[in-house]
Amino acid sequence: MDSMISSFLDQYNLHCSAVARYIDLVSEVGELGKEILSSTEYGKTTYSLTQETEEEMGDCLFSILSLCVEMGINPEAALNQALGKYRKRFEEKGRVSSD
């Protein structure tokens, strides 16, 4: 996955600093939240998936994977490490939270 994103960034000359990538990620997550709020009329209706929500989620995924590339982090390895941590917590405490 990271090589696909890296190639895309190379092809379109989209590399930038990790700081800029992080700010972009936060912005995209905000746009996803705004879309979810809007689609539920700010919590007045039940959420249902929309094309716009899928597109915003895709933007979030692109942003976080691009951040991984810029930071030299293997996203699959990072995810596997997190899943292992959560499994251990669940087995020990019956939940995944760290409290």
PDB file of N, CA and C in Angstrom:
ATOM      1  N   MET A   1       0.830  -1.200   0.000  1.00  0.00           N
ATOM      2  CA  MET A   1       0.000   0.000   0.000  1.00  0.00           C
ATOM      3  C   MET A   1       0.868   1.255   0.000  1.00  0.00           C
ATOM      4  N   ASP A   2       1.899   1.273   0.853  1.00  0.00           N
ATOM      5  CA  ASP A   2       2.723   2.478   0.920  1.00  0.00           C
ATOM      6  C   ASP A   2       3.483   2.733  -0.376  1.00  0.00           C
ATOM      7  N   SER A   3       3.858   1.668  -1.102  1.00  0.00           N
ATOM      8  CA  SER A   3       4.558   1.876  -2.380  1.00  0.00           C
ATOM      9  C   SER A   3       3.611   2.471  -3.425  1.00  0.00           C
ATOM     10  N   MET A   4       2.331   2.091  -3.372  1.00  0.00           N
ATOM     11  CA  MET A   4       1.354   2.659  -4.297  1.00  0.00           C
ATOM     12  C   MET A   4       1.204   4.157  -4.037  1.00  0.00           C
ATOM     13  N   ILE A   5       1.107   4.534  -2.772  1.00  0.00           N
ATOM     14  CA  ILE A   5       0.962   5.948  -2.413  1.00  0.00           C
ATOM     15  C   ILE A   5       2.242   6.704  -2.755  1.00  0.00           C
ATOM     16  N   SER A   6       3.380   6.124  -2.443  1.00  0.00           N
ATOM     17  CA  SER A   6       4.656   6.765  -2.740  1.00  0.00           C
ATOM     18  C   SER A   6       4.803   7.010  -4.240  1.00  0.00           C
ATOM     19  N   SER A   7       4.444   6.023  -5.041  1.00  0.00           N
ATOM     20  CA  SER A   7       4.501   6.172  -6.498  1.00  0.00           C
ATOM     21  C   SER A   7       3.573   7.287  -6.975  1.00  0.00           C
ATOM     22  N   PHE A   8       2.391   7.360  -6.399  1.00  0.00           N
ATOM     23  CA  PHE A   8       1.438   8.410  -6.760  1.00  0.00           C
ATOM     24  C   PHE A   8       2.003   9.780  -6.413  1.00  0.00           C
ATOM     25  N   LEU A   9       2.570   9.889  -5.203  1.00  0.00           N
ATOM     26  CA  LEU A   9       3.166  11.167  -4.789  1.00  0.00           C
ATOM     27  C   LEU A   9       4.314  11.551  -5.711  1.00  0.00           C
ATOM     28  N   ASP A  10       5.116  10.558  -6.089  1.00  0.00           N
ATOM     29  CA  ASP A  10       6.222  10.807  -7.031  1.00  0.00           C
ATOM     30  C   ASP A  10       5.689  11.269  -8.380  1.00  0.00           C
ATOM     31  N   GLN A  11       4.716  10.542  -8.904  1.00  0.00           N
ATOM     32  CA  GLN A  11       4.184  10.814 -10.244  1.00  0.00           C
ATOM     33  C   GLN A  11       3.634  12.230 -10.367  1.00  0.00           C
ATOM     34  N   TYR A  12       2.956  12.693  -9.324  1.00  0.00           N
ATOM     35  CA  TYR A  12       2.313  13.999  -9.384  1.00  0.00           C
ATOM     36  C   TYR A  12       3.061  15.071  -8.590  1.00  0.00           C
ATOM     37  N   ASN A  13       4.291  14.743  -8.186  1.00  0.00           N
ATOM     38  CA  ASN A  13       5.142  15.682  -7.441  1.00  0.00           C
ATOM     39  C   ASN A  13       4.397  16.272  -6.240  1.00  0.00           C
ATOM     40  N   LEU A  14       3.835  15.397  -5.429  1.00  0.00           N
ATOM     41  CA  LEU A  14       3.017  15.812  -4.287  1.00  0.00           C
ATOM     42  C   LEU A  14       3.706  15.631  -2.937  1.00  0.00           C
ATOM     43  N   HIS A  15       4.993  15.326  -2.935  1.00  0.00           N
ATOM     44  CA  HIS A  15       5.689  15.174  -1.657  1.00  0.00           C
ATOM     45  C   HIS A  15       5.738  16.516  -0.934  1.00  0.00           C
ATOM     46  N   CYS A  16       5.615  16.453   0.374  1.00  0.00           N
ATOM     47  CA  CYS A  16       5.749  17.643   1.215  1.00  0.00           C
ATOM     48  C   CYS A  16       6.186  17.193   2.605  1.00  0.00           C
ATOM     49  N   SER A  17       6.335  18.121   3.492  1.00  0.00           N
ATOM     50  CA  SER A  17       6.814  17.790   4.834  1.00  0.00           C
ATOM     51  C   SER A  17       5.771  16.987   5.614  1.00  0.00           C
ATOM     52  N   ALA A  18       6.250  16.272   6.613  1.00  0.00           N
ATOM     53  CA  ALA A  18       5.345  15.520   7.485  1.00  0.00           C
ATOM     54  C   ALA A  18       4.394  16.470   8.211  1.00  0.00           C
ATOM     55  N   VAL A  19       4.866  17.653   8.555  1.00  0.00           N
ATOM     56  CA  VAL A  19       4.007  18.637   9.229  1.00  0.00           C
ATOM     57  C   VAL A  19       2.836  19.021   8.323  1.00  0.00           C
ATOM     58  N   ALA A  20       3.128  19.305   7.053  1.00  0.00           N
ATOM     59  CA  ALA A  20       2.057  19.659   6.116  1.00  0.00           C
ATOM     60  C   ALA A  20       1.102  18.486   5.924  1.00  0.00           C
ATOM     61  N   ARG A  21       1.637  17.276   5.855  1.00  0.00           N
ATOM     62  CA  ARG A  21       0.788  16.085   5.711  1.00  0.00           C
ATOM     63  C   ARG A  21      -0.108  15.910   6.933  1.00  0.00           C
ATOM     64  N   TYR A  22       0.433  16.141   8.124  1.00  0.00           N
ATOM     65  CA  TYR A  22      -0.371  16.008   9.339  1.00  0.00           C
ATOM     66  C   TYR A  22      -1.512  17.023   9.347  1.00  0.00           C
ATOM     67  N   ILE A  23      -1.211  18.248   8.990  1.00  0.00           N
ATOM     68  CA  ILE A  23      -2.250  19.284   8.946  1.00  0.00           C
ATOM     69  C   ILE A  23      -3.316  18.911   7.916  1.00  0.00           C
ATOM     70  N   ASP A  24      -2.894  18.375   6.783  1.00  0.00           N
ATOM     71  CA  ASP A  24      -3.842  17.915   5.767  1.00  0.00           C
ATOM     72  C   ASP A  24      -4.731  16.808   6.318  1.00  0.00           C
ATOM     73  N   LEU A  25      -4.137  15.873   7.060  1.00  0.00           N
ATOM     74  CA  LEU A  25      -4.913  14.780   7.661  1.00  0.00           C
ATOM     75  C   LEU A  25      -5.976  15.320   8.604  1.00  0.00           C
ATOM     76  N   VAL A  26      -5.587  16.234   9.469  1.00  0.00           N
ATOM     77  CA  VAL A  26      -6.544  16.815  10.417  1.00  0.00           C
ATOM     78  C   VAL A  26      -7.672  17.516   9.660  1.00  0.00           C
ATOM     79  N   SER A  27      -7.330  18.219   8.607  1.00  0.00           N
ATOM     80  CA  SER A  27      -8.334  18.897   7.787  1.00  0.00           C
ATOM     81  C   SER A  27      -9.301  17.906   7.157  1.00  0.00           C
ATOM     82  N   GLU A  28      -8.759  16.821   6.615  1.00  0.00           N
ATOM     83  CA  GLU A  28      -9.609  15.812   5.973  1.00  0.00           C
ATOM     84  C   GLU A  28     -10.515  15.111   6.984  1.00  0.00           C
ATOM     85  N   VAL A  29     -10.017  14.829   8.178  1.00  0.00           N
ATOM     86  CA  VAL A  29     -10.850  14.213   9.213  1.00  0.00           C
ATOM     87  C   VAL A  29     -11.978  15.172   9.594  1.00  0.00           C
ATOM     88  N   GLY A  30     -11.670  16.459   9.637  1.00  0.00           N
ATOM     89  CA  GLY A  30     -12.707  17.458   9.906  1.00  0.00           C
ATOM     90  C   GLY A  30     -13.775  17.471   8.824  1.00  0.00           C
ATOM     91  N   GLU A  31     -13.355  17.339   7.573  1.00  0.00           N
ATOM     92  CA  GLU A  31     -14.321  17.295   6.474  1.00  0.00           C
ATOM     93  C   GLU A  31     -15.189  16.043   6.547  1.00  0.00           C
ATOM     94  N   LEU A  32     -14.603  14.927   6.968  1.00  0.00           N
ATOM     95  CA  LEU A  32     -15.388  13.706   7.152  1.00  0.00           C
ATOM     96  C   LEU A  32     -16.426  13.916   8.254  1.00  0.00           C
ATOM     97  N   GLY A  33     -15.999  14.504   9.347  1.00  0.00           N
ATOM     98  CA  GLY A  33     -16.934  14.785  10.437  1.00  0.00           C
ATOM     99  C   GLY A  33     -18.051  15.715  10.007  1.00  0.00           C
ATOM    100  N   LYS A  34     -17.701  16.731   9.247  1.00  0.00           N
ATOM    101  CA  LYS A  34     -18.716  17.672   8.753  1.00  0.00           C
ATOM    102  C   LYS A  34     -19.731  16.960   7.868  1.00  0.00           C
ATOM    103  N   GLU A  35     -19.249  16.050   7.015  1.00  0.00           N
ATOM    104  CA  GLU A  35     -20.151  15.307   6.134  1.00  0.00           C
ATOM    105  C   GLU A  35     -21.087  14.411   6.945  1.00  0.00           C
ATOM    106  N   ILE A  36     -20.557  13.757   7.966  1.00  0.00           N
ATOM    107  CA  ILE A  36     -21.395  12.889   8.811  1.00  0.00           C
ATOM    108  C   ILE A  36     -22.433  13.725   9.548  1.00  0.00           C
ATOM    109  N   LEU A  37     -22.007  14.852  10.109  1.00  0.00           N
ATOM    110  CA  LEU A  37     -22.956  15.737  10.791  1.00  0.00           C
ATOM    111  C   LEU A  37     -24.041  16.215   9.838  1.00  0.00           C
ATOM    112  N   SER A  38     -23.637  16.624   8.670  1.00  0.00           N
ATOM    113  CA  SER A  38     -24.589  17.123   7.676  1.00  0.00           C
ATOM    114  C   SER A  38     -25.575  16.037   7.255  1.00  0.00           C
ATOM    115  N   SER A  39     -25.067  14.829   7.043  1.00  0.00           N
ATOM    116  CA  SER A  39     -25.945  13.750   6.570  1.00  0.00           C
ATOM    117  C   SER A  39     -26.928  13.289   7.639  1.00  0.00           C
ATOM    118  N   THR A  40     -26.659  13.631   8.899  1.00  0.00           N
ATOM    119  CA  THR A  40     -27.589  13.279   9.981  1.00  0.00           C
ATOM    120  C   THR A  40     -28.364  14.491  10.485  1.00  0.00           C
ATOM    121  N   GLU A  41     -28.273  15.582   9.731  1.00  0.00           N
ATOM    122  CA  GLU A  41     -28.899  16.832  10.154  1.00  0.00           C
ATOM    123  C   GLU A  41     -28.492  17.160  11.584  1.00  0.00           C
ATOM    124  N   TYR A  42     -27.174  17.087  11.818  1.00  0.00           N
ATOM    125  CA  TYR A  42     -26.574  17.365  13.122  1.00  0.00           C
ATOM    126  C   TYR A  42     -27.163  16.501  14.232  1.00  0.00           C
ATOM    127  N   GLY A  43     -27.269  15.198  13.928  1.00  0.00           N
ATOM    128  CA  GLY A  43     -27.703  14.219  14.911  1.00  0.00           C
ATOM    129  C   GLY A  43     -29.200  14.032  15.033  1.00  0.00           C
ATOM    130  N   LYS A  44     -29.967  14.717  14.217  1.00  0.00           N
ATOM    131  CA  LYS A  44     -31.426  14.620  14.311  1.00  0.00           C
ATOM    132  C   LYS A  44     -31.971  13.374  13.622  1.00  0.00           C
ATOM    133  N   THR A  45     -31.213  12.841  12.661  1.00  0.00           N
ATOM    134  CA  THR A  45     -31.649  11.639  11.950  1.00  0.00           C
ATOM    135  C   THR A  45     -30.587  10.558  12.076  1.00  0.00           C
ATOM    136  N   THR A  46     -30.971   9.347  11.767  1.00  0.00           N
ATOM    137  CA  THR A  46     -30.057   8.215  11.819  1.00  0.00           C
ATOM    138  C   THR A  46     -29.053   8.303  10.679  1.00  0.00           C
ATOM    139  N   TYR A  47     -27.817   7.964  10.970  1.00  0.00           N
ATOM    140  CA  TYR A  47     -26.772   7.999   9.942  1.00  0.00           C
ATOM    141  C   TYR A  47     -26.987   6.887   8.935  1.00  0.00           C
ATOM    142  N   SER A  48     -26.821   7.231   7.665  1.00  0.00           N
ATOM    143  CA  SER A  48     -26.763   6.229   6.615  1.00  0.00           C
ATOM    144  C   SER A  48     -25.647   6.649   5.658  1.00  0.00           C
ATOM    145  N   LEU A  49     -24.951   5.669   5.138  1.00  0.00           N
ATOM    146  CA  LEU A  49     -23.810   5.901   4.277  1.00  0.00           C
ATOM    147  C   LEU A  49     -24.193   6.682   3.034  1.00  0.00           C
ATOM    148  N   THR A  50     -23.358   7.667   2.693  1.00  0.00           N
ATOM    149  CA  THR A  50     -23.557   8.445   1.468  1.00  0.00           C
ATOM    150  C   THR A  50     -22.295   8.367   0.616  1.00  0.00           C
ATOM    151  N   GLN A  51     -22.441   8.675  -0.633  1.00  0.00           N
ATOM    152  CA  GLN A  51     -21.288   8.722  -1.544  1.00  0.00           C
ATOM    153  C   GLN A  51     -20.277   9.760  -1.057  1.00  0.00           C
ATOM    154  N   GLU A  52     -20.766  10.872  -0.563  1.00  0.00           N
ATOM    155  CA  GLU A  52     -19.881  11.932  -0.076  1.00  0.00           C
ATOM    156  C   GLU A  52     -19.065  11.465   1.128  1.00  0.00           C
ATOM    157  N   THR A  53     -19.693  10.681   2.022  1.00  0.00           N
ATOM    158  CA  THR A  53     -18.973  10.152   3.171  1.00  0.00           C
ATOM    159  C   THR A  53     -17.869   9.198   2.721  1.00  0.00           C
ATOM    160  N   GLU A  54     -18.174   8.348   1.763  1.00  0.00           N
ATOM    161  CA  GLU A  54     -17.153   7.436   1.232  1.00  0.00           C
ATOM    162  C   GLU A  54     -15.990   8.214   0.624  1.00  0.00           C
ATOM    163  N   GLU A  55     -16.301   9.273  -0.107  1.00  0.00           N
ATOM    164  CA  GLU A  55     -15.247  10.084  -0.719  1.00  0.00           C
ATOM    165  C   GLU A  55     -14.383  10.758   0.341  1.00  0.00           C
ATOM    166  N   GLU A  56     -15.010  11.281   1.384  1.00  0.00           N
ATOM    167  CA  GLU A  56     -14.248  11.922   2.461  1.00  0.00           C
ATOM    168  C   GLU A  56     -13.383  10.902   3.202  1.00  0.00           C
ATOM    169  N   MET A  57     -13.911   9.688   3.390  1.00  0.00           N
ATOM    170  CA  MET A  57     -13.121   8.640   4.036  1.00  0.00           C
ATOM    171  C   MET A  57     -11.915   8.292   3.168  1.00  0.00           C
ATOM    172  N   GLY A  58     -12.115   8.240   1.872  1.00  0.00           N
ATOM    173  CA  GLY A  58     -11.008   7.995   0.954  1.00  0.00           C
ATOM    174  C   GLY A  58      -9.948   9.074   1.068  1.00  0.00           C
ATOM    175  N   ASP A  59     -10.386  10.328   1.190  1.00  0.00           N
ATOM    176  CA  ASP A  59      -9.431  11.424   1.366  1.00  0.00           C
ATOM    177  C   ASP A  59      -8.649  11.256   2.668  1.00  0.00           C
ATOM    178  N   CYS A  60      -9.330  10.823   3.732  1.00  0.00           N
ATOM    179  CA  CYS A  60      -8.650  10.586   5.012  1.00  0.00           C
ATOM    180  C   CYS A  60      -7.612   9.476   4.883  1.00  0.00           C
ATOM    181  N   LEU A  61      -7.988   8.399   4.211  1.00  0.00           N
ATOM    182  CA  LEU A  61      -7.045   7.292   4.018  1.00  0.00           C
ATOM    183  C   LEU A  61      -5.834   7.737   3.207  1.00  0.00           C
ATOM    184  N   PHE A  62      -6.075   8.474   2.134  1.00  0.00           N
ATOM    185  CA  PHE A  62      -4.968   8.986   1.335  1.00  0.00           C
ATOM    186  C   PHE A  62      -4.056   9.860   2.194  1.00  0.00           C
ATOM    187  N   SER A  63      -4.641  10.718   3.008  1.00  0.00           N
ATOM    188  CA  SER A  63      -3.847  11.626   3.835  1.00  0.00           C
ATOM    189  C   SER A  63      -3.009  10.873   4.860  1.00  0.00           C
ATOM    190  N   ILE A  64      -3.588   9.888   5.524  1.00  0.00           N
ATOM    191  CA  ILE A  64      -2.821   9.173   6.535  1.00  0.00           C
ATOM    192  C   ILE A  64      -1.743   8.292   5.904  1.00  0.00           C
ATOM    193  N   LEU A  65      -2.044   7.702   4.750  1.00  0.00           N
ATOM    194  CA  LEU A  65      -1.035   6.895   4.063  1.00  0.00           C
ATOM    195  C   LEU A  65       0.078   7.785   3.506  1.00  0.00           C
ATOM    196  N   SER A  66      -0.262   8.974   3.050  1.00  0.00           N
ATOM    197  CA  SER A  66       0.760   9.923   2.591  1.00  0.00           C
ATOM    198  C   SER A  66       1.632  10.382   3.754  1.00  0.00           C
ATOM    199  N   LEU A  67       1.019  10.575   4.915  1.00  0.00           N
ATOM    200  CA  LEU A  67       1.794  10.930   6.108  1.00  0.00           C
ATOM    201  C   LEU A  67       2.766   9.809   6.462  1.00  0.00           C
ATOM    202  N   CYS A  68       2.310   8.576   6.367  1.00  0.00           N
ATOM    203  CA  CYS A  68       3.203   7.437   6.616  1.00  0.00           C
ATOM    204  C   CYS A  68       4.396   7.466   5.664  1.00  0.00           C
ATOM    205  N   VAL A  69       4.146   7.723   4.394  1.00  0.00           N
ATOM    206  CA  VAL A  69       5.232   7.787   3.408  1.00  0.00           C
ATOM    207  C   VAL A  69       6.226   8.873   3.803  1.00  0.00           C
ATOM    208  N   GLU A  70       5.735  10.048   4.102  1.00  0.00           N
ATOM    209  CA  GLU A  70       6.620  11.174   4.420  1.00  0.00           C
ATOM    210  C   GLU A  70       7.410  10.930   5.703  1.00  0.00           C
ATOM    211  N   MET A  71       6.854  10.118   6.634  1.00  0.00           N
ATOM    212  CA  MET A  71       7.541   9.831   7.901  1.00  0.00           C
ATOM    213  C   MET A  71       8.363   8.549   7.845  1.00  0.00           C
ATOM    214  N   GLY A  72       8.274   7.820   6.731  1.00  0.00           N
ATOM    215  CA  GLY A  72       9.014   6.567   6.611  1.00  0.00           C
ATOM    216  C   GLY A  72       8.443   5.444   7.454  1.00  0.00           C
ATOM    217  N   ILE A  73       7.132   5.473   7.664  1.00  0.00           N
ATOM    218  CA  ILE A  73       6.441   4.453   8.467  1.00  0.00           C
ATOM    219  C   ILE A  73       5.732   3.488   7.535  1.00  0.00           C
ATOM    220  N   ASN A  74       5.907   2.197   7.786  1.00  0.00           N
ATOM    221  CA  ASN A  74       5.186   1.179   7.030  1.00  0.00           C
ATOM    222  C   ASN A  74       3.784   1.084   7.631  1.00  0.00           C
ATOM    223  N   PRO A  75       2.739   1.485   6.897  1.00  0.00           N
ATOM    224  CA  PRO A  75       1.393   1.508   7.486  1.00  0.00           C
ATOM    225  C   PRO A  75       0.885   0.129   7.882  1.00  0.00           C
ATOM    226  N   GLU A  76       1.211  -0.893   7.115  1.00  0.00           N
ATOM    227  CA  GLU A  76       0.757  -2.242   7.459  1.00  0.00           C
ATOM    228  C   GLU A  76       1.415  -2.717   8.751  1.00  0.00           C
ATOM    229  N   ALA A  77       2.696  -2.458   8.900  1.00  0.00           N
ATOM    230  CA  ALA A  77       3.398  -2.840  10.130  1.00  0.00           C
ATOM    231  C   ALA A  77       2.846  -2.074  11.330  1.00  0.00           C
ATOM    232  N   ALA A  78       2.572  -0.783  11.145  1.00  0.00           N
ATOM    233  CA  ALA A  78       2.020   0.027  12.233  1.00  0.00           C
ATOM    234  C   ALA A  78       0.638  -0.478  12.635  1.00  0.00           C
ATOM    235  N   LEU A  79      -0.186  -0.835  11.651  1.00  0.00           N
ATOM    236  CA  LEU A  79      -1.517  -1.360  11.941  1.00  0.00           C
ATOM    237  C   LEU A  79      -1.418  -2.697  12.667  1.00  0.00           C
ATOM    238  N   ASN A  80      -0.550  -3.578  12.196  1.00  0.00           N
ATOM    239  CA  ASN A  80      -0.377  -4.876  12.860  1.00  0.00           C
ATOM    240  C   ASN A  80       0.083  -4.711  14.301  1.00  0.00           C
ATOM    241  N   GLN A  81       0.973  -3.754  14.534  1.00  0.00           N
ATOM    242  CA  GLN A  81       1.430  -3.490  15.903  1.00  0.00           C
ATOM    243  C   GLN A  81       0.267  -3.012  16.773  1.00  0.00           C
ATOM    244  N   ALA A  82      -0.550  -2.110  16.240  1.00  0.00           N
ATOM    245  CA  ALA A  82      -1.701  -1.607  16.996  1.00  0.00           C
ATOM    246  C   ALA A  82      -2.701  -2.723  17.281  1.00  0.00           C
ATOM    247  N   LEU A  83      -2.980  -3.575  16.301  1.00  0.00           N
ATOM    248  CA  LEU A  83      -3.919  -4.681  16.513  1.00  0.00           C
ATOM    249  C   LEU A  83      -3.401  -5.637  17.580  1.00  0.00           C
ATOM    250  N   GLY A  84      -2.103  -5.901  17.557  1.00  0.00           N
ATOM    251  CA  GLY A  84      -1.508  -6.754  18.590  1.00  0.00           C
ATOM    252  C   GLY A  84      -1.667  -6.150  19.975  1.00  0.00           C
ATOM    253  N   LYS A  85      -1.445  -4.849  20.075  1.00  0.00           N
ATOM    254  CA  LYS A  85      -1.605  -4.138  21.344  1.00  0.00           C
ATOM    255  C   LYS A  85      -3.051  -4.225  21.828  1.00  0.00           C
ATOM    256  N   TYR A  86      -3.994  -4.016  20.916  1.00  0.00           N
ATOM    257  CA  TYR A  86      -5.411  -4.058  21.288  1.00  0.00           C
ATOM    258  C   TYR A  86      -5.848  -5.468  21.674  1.00  0.00           C
ATOM    259  N   ARG A  87      -5.352  -6.481  20.955  1.00  0.00           N
ATOM    260  CA  ARG A  87      -5.670  -7.870  21.324  1.00  0.00           C
ATOM    261  C   ARG A  87      -5.208  -8.180  22.740  1.00  0.00           C
ATOM    262  N   LYS A  88      -3.973  -7.777  23.039  1.00  0.00           N
ATOM    263  CA  LYS A  88      -3.411  -8.032  24.363  1.00  0.00           C
ATOM    264  C   LYS A  88      -4.248  -7.337  25.443  1.00  0.00           C
ATOM    265  N   ARG A  89      -4.603  -6.076  25.216  1.00  0.00           N
ATOM    266  CA  ARG A  89      -5.433  -5.357  26.194  1.00  0.00           C
ATOM    267  C   ARG A  89      -6.776  -6.045  26.382  1.00  0.00           C
ATOM    268  N   PHE A  90      -7.385  -6.482  25.282  1.00  0.00           N
ATOM    269  CA  PHE A  90      -8.689  -7.118  25.379  1.00  0.00           C
ATOM    270  C   PHE A  90      -8.589  -8.420  26.156  1.00  0.00           C
ATOM    271  N   GLU A  91      -7.540  -9.190  25.871  1.00  0.00           N
ATOM    272  CA  GLU A  91      -7.361 -10.458  26.578  1.00  0.00           C
ATOM    273  C   GLU A  91      -7.089 -10.240  28.061  1.00  0.00           C
ATOM    274  N   GLU A  92      -6.348  -9.175  28.399  1.00  0.00           N
ATOM    275  CA  GLU A  92      -6.015  -8.922  29.791  1.00  0.00           C
ATOM    276  C   GLU A  92      -7.107  -8.188  30.553  1.00  0.00           C
ATOM    277  N   LYS A  93      -7.789  -7.240  29.889  1.00  0.00           N
ATOM    278  CA  LYS A  93      -8.737  -6.355  30.582  1.00  0.00           C
ATOM    279  C   LYS A  93     -10.166  -6.468  30.082  1.00  0.00           C
ATOM    280  N   GLY A  94     -10.382  -7.178  28.980  1.00  0.00           N
ATOM    281  CA  GLY A  94     -11.712  -7.291  28.423  1.00  0.00           C
ATOM    282  C   GLY A  94     -12.144  -6.080  27.638  1.00  0.00           C
ATOM    283  N   ARG A  95     -11.211  -5.185  27.327  1.00  0.00           N
ATOM    284  CA  ARG A  95     -11.494  -3.985  26.521  1.00  0.00           C
ATOM    285  C   ARG A  95     -10.212  -3.552  25.822  1.00  0.00           C
ATOM    286  N   VAL A  96     -10.348  -2.697  24.819  1.00  0.00           N
ATOM    287  CA  VAL A  96      -9.176  -2.270  24.072  1.00  0.00           C
ATOM    288  C   VAL A  96      -8.621  -0.929  24.530  1.00  0.00           C
ATOM    289  N   SER A  97      -9.394  -0.192  25.328  1.00  0.00           N
ATOM    290  CA  SER A  97      -8.906   1.111  25.781  1.00  0.00           C
ATOM    291  C   SER A  97      -7.752   0.943  26.763  1.00  0.00           C
ATOM    292  N   SER A  98      -6.935   1.975  26.884  1.00  0.00           N
ATOM    293  CA  SER A  98      -5.739   1.883  27.720  1.00  0.00           C
ATOM    294  C   SER A  98      -5.994   2.197  29.187  1.00  0.00           C
ATOM    295  N   ASP A  99      -7.175   2.672  29.558  1.00  0.00           N
ATOM    296  CA  ASP A  99      -7.450   3.010  30.966  1.00  0.00           C
ATOM    297  C   ASP A  99      -7.525   1.762  31.814  1.00  0.00           C
TER     298      ASP A  99
END
